[in-house]
Amino acid sequence: MTQPENLPREVKRSLRTRHGCLSHGFRFLALLVLGIPAGLVRSWQVWRRGAEWRVTRTNRPPSSSGNRLRIDLEADIPVRATGHFPRILTETVVRIAEHLRQRDDTYHHIYRDPAEPEAMLLPVGPLVQALGERLILALSRNELADRTAVWLTLPARPAIAESVDPATYDPDAAGEPEGLVEKTDARWAMATKRDRVGPSTIYRVILWLPEDSASAVESIVAGIETRAS
């Protein structure tokens, strides 16, 4: 707005201040009006999605030769129930670890943060409790959303660094993480991934298991589907 040149300086300053306030007010009002439809859309999506958990499980052999059974689990969880599923999944994995436990089992957690130059090779140690604590923490970390994490169960020796180059390894690369499971000859392994899709959080879990333990582990995993129904 053009101001007359002959107005006193104090009046001009007052007009500029009032004009600025009005501009900020109009911008706030516009954002508020535009934000209402977005909020309504999100509320409608949540209502339409419902509260049920949608869990599917597929059993199939690995793509390459080997004696492991592969179980693929996908859980579509409403956002408002997202806090419950990681606990249930962790309890399930702990039971699997206890069932498959060998004397010198050692657990490892591997993931790659795009902001970091190398993959993270994190030793979890030999304790099943430590595996559960690390898993539930990883499932809640925002920086790991939409990233594949690998969980390997290996003998205490050799060290995992002898099999994995953190400078080049990426669990989301083609052929992974199954390639790493086969390369390390893991006793059993798991991959986890979490994505936010509209009103849902999608959890994807892959388990590679010894064939002679498959039936018992399948019964443990089926408990997730039972609790979801």
C-alpha atoms as a PDB file:
ATOM      1  CA  MET A   1       0.000   0.000   0.000  1.00  0.00           C
ATOM      2  CA  THR A   2       1.442   3.413  -1.037  1.00  0.00           C
ATOM      3  CA  GLN A   3       1.773   5.933   1.767  1.00  0.00           C
ATOM      4  CA  PRO A   4       1.574   9.743   1.178  1.00  0.00           C
ATOM      5  CA  GLU A   5       5.025  11.267   1.420  1.00  0.00           C
ATOM      6  CA  ASN A   6       3.859  14.151   3.642  1.00  0.00           C
ATOM      7  CA  LEU A   7       2.685  11.966   6.544  1.00  0.00           C
ATOM      8  CA  PRO A   8       4.608  12.245   9.817  1.00  0.00           C
ATOM      9  CA  ARG A   9       7.230   9.530  10.416  1.00  0.00           C
ATOM     10  CA  GLU A  10       5.327   8.154  13.448  1.00  0.00           C
ATOM     11  CA  VAL A  11       2.135   7.741  11.403  1.00  0.00           C
ATOM     12  CA  LYS A  12       4.027   5.956   8.601  1.00  0.00           C
ATOM     13  CA  ARG A  13       5.575   3.546  11.122  1.00  0.00           C
ATOM     14  CA  SER A  14       2.151   2.858  12.639  1.00  0.00           C
ATOM     15  CA  LEU A  15       0.664   2.147   9.210  1.00  0.00           C
ATOM     16  CA  ARG A  16       3.499  -0.214   8.311  1.00  0.00           C
ATOM     17  CA  THR A  17       3.074  -2.086  11.596  1.00  0.00           C
ATOM     18  CA  ARG A  18      -0.688  -2.366  11.103  1.00  0.00           C
ATOM     19  CA  HIS A  19      -0.232  -3.511   7.511  1.00  0.00           C
ATOM     20  CA  GLY A  20       2.272  -6.161   8.645  1.00  0.00           C
ATOM     21  CA  CYS A  21      -0.093  -7.438  11.319  1.00  0.00           C
ATOM     22  CA  LEU A  22      -2.911  -7.679   8.812  1.00  0.00           C
ATOM     23  CA  SER A  23      -0.684  -9.578   6.381  1.00  0.00           C
ATOM     24  CA  HIS A  24       0.342 -12.057   9.074  1.00  0.00           C
ATOM     25  CA  GLY A  25      -3.284 -12.402  10.110  1.00  0.00           C
ATOM     26  CA  PHE A  26      -4.430 -13.180   6.570  1.00  0.00           C
ATOM     27  CA  ARG A  27      -1.628 -15.722   6.123  1.00  0.00           C
ATOM     28  CA  PHE A  28      -2.533 -17.460   9.393  1.00  0.00           C
ATOM     29  CA  LEU A  29      -6.204 -17.526   8.412  1.00  0.00           C
ATOM     30  CA  ALA A  30      -5.342 -19.003   5.009  1.00  0.00           C
ATOM     31  CA  LEU A  31      -3.195 -21.723   6.589  1.00  0.00           C
ATOM     32  CA  LEU A  32      -5.962 -22.490   9.060  1.00  0.00           C
ATOM     33  CA  VAL A  33      -8.591 -22.778   6.335  1.00  0.00           C
ATOM     34  CA  LEU A  34      -6.320 -24.939   4.175  1.00  0.00           C
ATOM     35  CA  GLY A  35      -5.392 -27.129   7.122  1.00  0.00           C
ATOM     36  CA  ILE A  36      -8.992 -27.985   8.016  1.00  0.00           C
ATOM     37  CA  PRO A  37      -9.606 -30.138   4.887  1.00  0.00           C
ATOM     38  CA  ALA A  38      -6.296 -31.952   5.431  1.00  0.00           C
ATOM     39  CA  GLY A  39      -7.302 -32.737   9.005  1.00  0.00           C
ATOM     40  CA  LEU A  40     -10.703 -33.938   7.868  1.00  0.00           C
ATOM     41  CA  VAL A  41      -9.103 -36.174   5.243  1.00  0.00           C
ATOM     42  CA  ARG A  42      -6.796 -37.747   7.842  1.00  0.00           C
ATOM     43  CA  SER A  43      -9.709 -38.291  10.219  1.00  0.00           C
ATOM     44  CA  TRP A  44     -11.760 -39.862   7.451  1.00  0.00           C
ATOM     45  CA  GLN A  45      -8.860 -42.160   6.508  1.00  0.00           C
ATOM     46  CA  VAL A  46      -8.461 -43.300  10.111  1.00  0.00           C
ATOM     47  CA  TRP A  47     -12.217 -43.918  10.431  1.00  0.00           C
ATOM     48  CA  ARG A  48     -12.358 -45.821   7.147  1.00  0.00           C
ATOM     49  CA  ARG A  49      -9.273 -47.878   8.033  1.00  0.00           C
ATOM     50  CA  GLY A  50     -10.904 -49.177  11.210  1.00  0.00           C
ATOM     51  CA  ALA A  51      -9.213 -50.686  14.259  1.00  0.00           C
ATOM     52  CA  GLU A  52      -8.553 -54.230  13.080  1.00  0.00           C
ATOM     53  CA  TRP A  53      -5.063 -55.625  12.625  1.00  0.00           C
ATOM     54  CA  ARG A  54      -4.462 -57.237   9.239  1.00  0.00           C
ATOM     55  CA  VAL A  55      -1.777 -59.892   9.487  1.00  0.00           C
ATOM     56  CA  THR A  56      -0.772 -62.195   6.639  1.00  0.00           C
ATOM     57  CA  ARG A  57       1.840 -64.972   6.681  1.00  0.00           C
ATOM     58  CA  THR A  58       3.476 -66.827   3.809  1.00  0.00           C
ATOM     59  CA  ASN A  59       5.798 -69.814   4.076  1.00  0.00           C
ATOM     60  CA  ARG A  60       8.176 -70.535   1.244  1.00  0.00           C
ATOM     61  CA  PRO A  61      11.683 -71.835   0.621  1.00  0.00           C
ATOM     62  CA  PRO A  62      14.453 -69.293   0.089  1.00  0.00           C
ATOM     63  CA  SER A  63      15.184 -68.166  -3.451  1.00  0.00           C
ATOM     64  CA  SER A  64      18.582 -69.882  -3.411  1.00  0.00           C
ATOM     65  CA  SER A  65      19.559 -73.358  -2.337  1.00  0.00           C
ATOM     66  CA  GLY A  66      19.693 -74.054   1.380  1.00  0.00           C
ATOM     67  CA  ASN A  67      17.976 -75.922   4.176  1.00  0.00           C
ATOM     68  CA  ARG A  68      16.099 -72.992   5.670  1.00  0.00           C
ATOM     69  CA  LEU A  69      12.406 -72.286   5.597  1.00  0.00           C
ATOM     70  CA  ARG A  70      11.445 -68.686   4.949  1.00  0.00           C
ATOM     71  CA  ILE A  71       8.421 -67.114   6.669  1.00  0.00           C
ATOM     72  CA  ASP A  72       7.173 -63.753   5.401  1.00  0.00           C
ATOM     73  CA  LEU A  73       4.952 -61.830   7.788  1.00  0.00           C
ATOM     74  CA  GLU A  74       3.176 -58.566   6.979  1.00  0.00           C
ATOM     75  CA  ALA A  75       1.165 -56.691   9.581  1.00  0.00           C
ATOM     76  CA  ASP A  76      -1.019 -53.705   8.672  1.00  0.00           C
ATOM     77  CA  ILE A  77      -1.561 -51.953  12.006  1.00  0.00           C
ATOM     78  CA  PRO A  78      -3.708 -48.833  12.598  1.00  0.00           C
ATOM     79  CA  VAL A  79      -1.538 -45.886  13.564  1.00  0.00           C
ATOM     80  CA  ARG A  80      -3.321 -45.516  16.891  1.00  0.00           C
ATOM     81  CA  ALA A  81      -2.348 -49.117  17.795  1.00  0.00           C
ATOM     82  CA  THR A  82       1.218 -48.850  16.553  1.00  0.00           C
ATOM     83  CA  GLY A  83       2.599 -48.818  20.081  1.00  0.00           C
ATOM     84  CA  HIS A  84       1.225 -52.297  20.839  1.00  0.00           C
ATOM     85  CA  PHE A  85       2.517 -54.281  17.881  1.00  0.00           C
ATOM     86  CA  PRO A  86       6.290 -53.834  18.489  1.00  0.00           C
ATOM     87  CA  ARG A  87       5.836 -55.317  21.961  1.00  0.00           C
ATOM     88  CA  ILE A  88       3.930 -58.316  20.606  1.00  0.00           C
ATOM     89  CA  LEU A  89       6.460 -58.856  17.817  1.00  0.00           C
ATOM     90  CA  THR A  90       9.330 -58.613  20.294  1.00  0.00           C
ATOM     91  CA  GLU A  91       7.716 -61.168  22.608  1.00  0.00           C
ATOM     92  CA  THR A  92       7.309 -63.483  19.614  1.00  0.00           C
ATOM     93  CA  VAL A  93      10.948 -63.116  18.516  1.00  0.00           C
ATOM     94  CA  VAL A  94      12.169 -63.741  22.073  1.00  0.00           C
ATOM     95  CA  ARG A  95      10.195 -66.986  22.174  1.00  0.00           C
ATOM     96  CA  ILE A  96      11.678 -68.024  18.830  1.00  0.00           C
ATOM     97  CA  ALA A  97      15.190 -67.226  20.062  1.00  0.00           C
ATOM     98  CA  GLU A  98      14.625 -69.246  23.219  1.00  0.00           C
ATOM     99  CA  HIS A  99      13.322 -72.214  21.216  1.00  0.00           C
ATOM    100  CA  LEU A 100      16.240 -72.178  18.749  1.00  0.00           C
ATOM    101  CA  ARG A 101      18.889 -71.321  21.324  1.00  0.00           C
ATOM    102  CA  GLN A 102      22.296 -72.969  21.028  1.00  0.00           C
ATOM    103  CA  ARG A 103      25.049 -72.669  23.600  1.00  0.00           C
ATOM    104  CA  ASP A 104      27.230 -70.154  21.740  1.00  0.00           C
ATOM    105  CA  ASP A 105      24.550 -68.195  19.855  1.00  0.00           C
ATOM    106  CA  THR A 106      25.491 -64.555  19.347  1.00  0.00           C
ATOM    107  CA  TYR A 107      23.050 -61.958  17.993  1.00  0.00           C
ATOM    108  CA  HIS A 108      23.888 -59.132  15.591  1.00  0.00           C
ATOM    109  CA  HIS A 109      21.914 -56.115  14.338  1.00  0.00           C
ATOM    110  CA  ILE A 110      22.781 -54.602  10.944  1.00  0.00           C
ATOM    111  CA  TYR A 111      21.231 -51.586   9.232  1.00  0.00           C
ATOM    112  CA  ARG A 112      22.251 -48.653   7.076  1.00  0.00           C
ATOM    113  CA  ASP A 113      21.309 -45.060   7.774  1.00  0.00           C
ATOM    114  CA  PRO A 114      21.342 -43.096   4.478  1.00  0.00           C
ATOM    115  CA  ALA A 115      22.949 -40.192   6.312  1.00  0.00           C
ATOM    116  CA  GLU A 116      25.916 -42.325   7.364  1.00  0.00           C
ATOM    117  CA  PRO A 117      28.792 -43.461   5.100  1.00  0.00           C
ATOM    118  CA  GLU A 118      28.783 -47.046   6.417  1.00  0.00           C
ATOM    119  CA  ALA A 119      26.355 -49.704   7.542  1.00  0.00           C
ATOM    120  CA  MET A 120      26.052 -50.197  11.282  1.00  0.00           C
ATOM    121  CA  LEU A 121      27.236 -53.609  12.526  1.00  0.00           C
ATOM    122  CA  LEU A 122      26.012 -53.737  16.103  1.00  0.00           C
ATOM    123  CA  PRO A 123      26.877 -56.696  18.312  1.00  0.00           C
ATOM    124  CA  VAL A 124      23.884 -57.517  20.502  1.00  0.00           C
ATOM    125  CA  GLY A 125      25.628 -60.316  22.374  1.00  0.00           C
ATOM    126  CA  PRO A 126      24.588 -63.764  23.571  1.00  0.00           C
ATOM    127  CA  LEU A 127      21.594 -62.832  25.725  1.00  0.00           C
ATOM    128  CA  VAL A 128      18.052 -63.321  24.445  1.00  0.00           C
ATOM    129  CA  GLN A 129      16.920 -60.472  26.714  1.00  0.00           C
ATOM    130  CA  ALA A 130      19.392 -58.120  25.013  1.00  0.00           C
ATOM    131  CA  LEU A 131      18.017 -59.172  21.619  1.00  0.00           C
ATOM    132  CA  GLY A 132      14.493 -58.280  22.734  1.00  0.00           C
ATOM    133  CA  GLU A 133      15.563 -54.921  24.123  1.00  0.00           C
ATOM    134  CA  ARG A 134      17.444 -54.008  20.951  1.00  0.00           C
ATOM    135  CA  LEU A 135      14.555 -55.095  18.717  1.00  0.00           C
ATOM    136  CA  ILE A 136      11.839 -53.088  20.439  1.00  0.00           C
ATOM    137  CA  LEU A 137      14.134 -50.049  20.466  1.00  0.00           C
ATOM    138  CA  ALA A 138      14.860 -50.388  16.735  1.00  0.00           C
ATOM    139  CA  LEU A 139      11.150 -50.720  15.919  1.00  0.00           C
ATOM    140  CA  SER A 140      10.462 -47.336  17.529  1.00  0.00           C
ATOM    141  CA  ARG A 141      13.325 -45.306  16.041  1.00  0.00           C
ATOM    142  CA  ASN A 142      12.114 -42.809  13.440  1.00  0.00           C
ATOM    143  CA  GLU A 143      15.416 -42.767  11.559  1.00  0.00           C
ATOM    144  CA  LEU A 144      15.025 -46.492  10.861  1.00  0.00           C
ATOM    145  CA  ALA A 145      11.584 -46.094   9.276  1.00  0.00           C
ATOM    146  CA  ASP A 146      11.494 -47.413   5.710  1.00  0.00           C
ATOM    147  CA  ARG A 147      14.878 -49.093   6.234  1.00  0.00           C
ATOM    148  CA  THR A 148      15.568 -52.826   6.347  1.00  0.00           C
ATOM    149  CA  ALA A 149      17.289 -54.092   9.468  1.00  0.00           C
ATOM    150  CA  VAL A 150      18.942 -57.515   9.567  1.00  0.00           C
ATOM    151  CA  TRP A 151      19.185 -59.693  12.669  1.00  0.00           C
ATOM    152  CA  LEU A 152      21.678 -62.554  12.463  1.00  0.00           C
ATOM    153  CA  THR A 153      22.212 -65.418  14.883  1.00  0.00           C
ATOM    154  CA  LEU A 154      25.760 -66.699  14.475  1.00  0.00           C
ATOM    155  CA  PRO A 155      28.327 -68.695  16.432  1.00  0.00           C
ATOM    156  CA  ALA A 156      30.590 -66.669  18.678  1.00  0.00           C
ATOM    157  CA  ARG A 157      33.415 -67.106  16.156  1.00  0.00           C
ATOM    158  CA  PRO A 158      34.344 -65.867  13.604  1.00  0.00           C
ATOM    159  CA  ALA A 159      33.591 -62.156  14.056  1.00  0.00           C
ATOM    160  CA  ILE A 160      30.881 -60.771  11.806  1.00  0.00           C
ATOM    161  CA  ALA A 161      33.277 -58.094  10.505  1.00  0.00           C
ATOM    162  CA  GLU A 162      35.055 -60.868   8.629  1.00  0.00           C
ATOM    163  CA  SER A 163      31.918 -61.452   6.530  1.00  0.00           C
ATOM    164  CA  VAL A 164      30.432 -57.960   6.165  1.00  0.00           C
ATOM    165  CA  ASP A 165      32.115 -54.855   4.772  1.00  0.00           C
ATOM    166  CA  PRO A 166      30.244 -51.927   6.365  1.00  0.00           C
ATOM    167  CA  ALA A 167      31.518 -49.541   3.686  1.00  0.00           C
ATOM    168  CA  THR A 168      29.672 -51.367   0.916  1.00  0.00           C
ATOM    169  CA  TYR A 169      26.911 -53.411   2.509  1.00  0.00           C
ATOM    170  CA  ASP A 170      23.294 -52.237   2.230  1.00  0.00           C
ATOM    171  CA  PRO A 171      20.417 -54.431   3.521  1.00  0.00           C
ATOM    172  CA  ASP A 172      18.091 -52.744   0.984  1.00  0.00           C
ATOM    173  CA  ALA A 173      20.255 -53.594  -2.037  1.00  0.00           C
ATOM    174  CA  ALA A 174      19.080 -56.108  -4.649  1.00  0.00           C
ATOM    175  CA  GLY A 175      19.366 -59.681  -3.425  1.00  0.00           C
ATOM    176  CA  GLU A 176      19.648 -58.598   0.193  1.00  0.00           C
ATOM    177  CA  PRO A 177      19.359 -59.367   2.995  1.00  0.00           C
ATOM    178  CA  GLU A 178      18.979 -62.999   1.908  1.00  0.00           C
ATOM    179  CA  GLY A 179      22.437 -62.900   0.336  1.00  0.00           C
ATOM    180  CA  LEU A 180      23.977 -62.021   3.687  1.00  0.00           C
ATOM    181  CA  VAL A 181      22.015 -64.747   5.478  1.00  0.00           C
ATOM    182  CA  GLU A 182      23.445 -67.324   3.085  1.00  0.00           C
ATOM    183  CA  LYS A 183      26.942 -65.855   3.083  1.00  0.00           C
ATOM    184  CA  THR A 184      27.242 -65.931   6.869  1.00  0.00           C
ATOM    185  CA  ASP A 185      25.470 -69.306   7.126  1.00  0.00           C
ATOM    186  CA  ALA A 186      23.364 -67.861   9.928  1.00  0.00           C
ATOM    187  CA  ARG A 187      21.788 -70.373  12.288  1.00  0.00           C
ATOM    188  CA  TRP A 188      18.625 -68.372  11.941  1.00  0.00           C
ATOM    189  CA  ALA A 189      17.990 -64.809  10.850  1.00  0.00           C
ATOM    190  CA  MET A 190      15.360 -62.097  10.590  1.00  0.00           C
ATOM    191  CA  ALA A 191      14.770 -58.934   8.588  1.00  0.00           C
ATOM    192  CA  THR A 192      12.427 -56.174   9.735  1.00  0.00           C
ATOM    193  CA  LYS A 193      11.073 -53.085   8.021  1.00  0.00           C
ATOM    194  CA  ARG A 194       8.506 -50.475   9.068  1.00  0.00           C
ATOM    195  CA  ASP A 195       6.631 -48.064   6.773  1.00  0.00           C
ATOM    196  CA  ARG A 196       3.944 -45.451   7.461  1.00  0.00           C
ATOM    197  CA  VAL A 197       1.209 -45.690   4.809  1.00  0.00           C
ATOM    198  CA  GLY A 198      -1.733 -43.320   5.352  1.00  0.00           C
ATOM    199  CA  PRO A 199      -3.593 -44.355   8.518  1.00  0.00           C
ATOM    200  CA  SER A 200      -1.523 -47.544   8.911  1.00  0.00           C
ATOM    201  CA  THR A 201       1.933 -48.650   9.916  1.00  0.00           C
ATOM    202  CA  ILE A 202       3.097 -51.609   7.838  1.00  0.00           C
ATOM    203  CA  TYR A 203       5.513 -54.007   9.499  1.00  0.00           C
ATOM    204  CA  ARG A 204       7.312 -56.514   7.273  1.00  0.00           C
ATOM    205  CA  VAL A 205       9.195 -59.368   8.889  1.00  0.00           C
ATOM    206  CA  ILE A 206      11.125 -62.177   7.208  1.00  0.00           C
ATOM    207  CA  LEU A 207      12.387 -65.163   9.163  1.00  0.00           C
ATOM    208  CA  TRP A 208      14.928 -67.712   7.903  1.00  0.00           C
ATOM    209  CA  LEU A 209      14.737 -70.856  10.005  1.00  0.00           C
ATOM    210  CA  PRO A 210      16.199 -74.364  10.109  1.00  0.00           C
ATOM    211  CA  GLU A 211      13.727 -76.728   8.465  1.00  0.00           C
ATOM    212  CA  ASP A 212      13.735 -79.115  11.432  1.00  0.00           C
ATOM    213  CA  SER A 213      12.459 -76.309  13.695  1.00  0.00           C
ATOM    214  CA  ALA A 214       9.973 -74.843  11.249  1.00  0.00           C
ATOM    215  CA  SER A 215       6.834 -76.429  12.665  1.00  0.00           C
ATOM    216  CA  ALA A 216       7.430 -75.209  16.219  1.00  0.00           C
ATOM    217  CA  VAL A 217       8.383 -71.715  15.066  1.00  0.00           C
ATOM    218  CA  GLU A 218       5.316 -71.509  12.827  1.00  0.00           C
ATOM    219  CA  SER A 219       3.157 -72.162  15.892  1.00  0.00           C
ATOM    220  CA  ILE A 220       4.899 -69.335  17.749  1.00  0.00           C
ATOM    221  CA  VAL A 221       4.473 -66.920  14.828  1.00  0.00           C
ATOM    222  CA  ALA A 222       0.821 -67.889  14.475  1.00  0.00           C
ATOM    223  CA  GLY A 223       0.280 -66.380  17.912  1.00  0.00           C
ATOM    224  CA  ILE A 224       0.611 -62.923  16.334  1.00  0.00           C
ATOM    225  CA  GLU A 225      -2.309 -63.678  14.030  1.00  0.00           C
ATOM    226  CA  THR A 226      -4.359 -64.969  16.964  1.00  0.00           C
ATOM    227  CA  ARG A 227      -3.748 -61.839  19.002  1.00  0.00           C
ATOM    228  CA  ALA A 228      -4.611 -59.686  16.005  1.00  0.00           C
ATOM    229  CA  SER A 229      -8.011 -61.337  15.454  1.00  0.00           C
END
